[in-house]
Amino acid sequence: MLSFAELAASPFAEWDGTPAAARMLQKELAEQVRLEDDFPPLRLLAGVDVGFEGGEITRAAAILLDAETLQPVAECVARIPTSMPYVPGLLSFRELPALLSALAGLPQEADLIVVDGHGIAHPRGLGIAAHLGVVTGRPTIGVAKKILTGHHCELGDERGDKVESVSYTHLRAHETRED
């Protein structure tokens, strides 16, 4: 498996840059998503998020945590030129290069990566968290703010109440009350 730095240099070797080809690649990569919880005990966790500076710079932040204490071990912010405009459903092609650069800047690789974005609850089953997991071979969890596809039953009234989401591609996501 390539290192994060090697992946950051060329994360889309088989993509010609068009939205149509990106959608086809998503469908192919979605078939490689592993849903088994078969990884060894976790030592290090990473959390990642992406933002934009004026639309021309993509900024990704990564934090590495000790899995037992949740204390920060290291952090990295990467800023790279934005290489693609926003296209609904193709966010990973816009954000993944910066995420990989931020992860490459950490002194150690995480055993599990938590991503601000969708995993498999995506129209083609490959949101940014799932895409990151496939290209890195690392377990990932997507934590999204809004439903992109599917629906869920009404949440209970208590903080922490959760229900399963029914996605058109998978039944593996949860909605959780935060307020």
Foldseek 3Di string as FASTA:
>chain_A
DDALVVCLVPVCPPAPPDPVSLLVVLLVLLVVQDPDPPADDWQKEKEKEWDDDVQFKIKMKMWIAGVVPRHTDDIFIFIDTQDDDDDPQRVLVRHVSRNSVRQNPDPDHGQEYEYAWDAQLGPSRHMNQVSVCSSVVHHYHYDYDDRHAFAWDDFDDDFQTKTWTDGPGDGDDIDTHHD
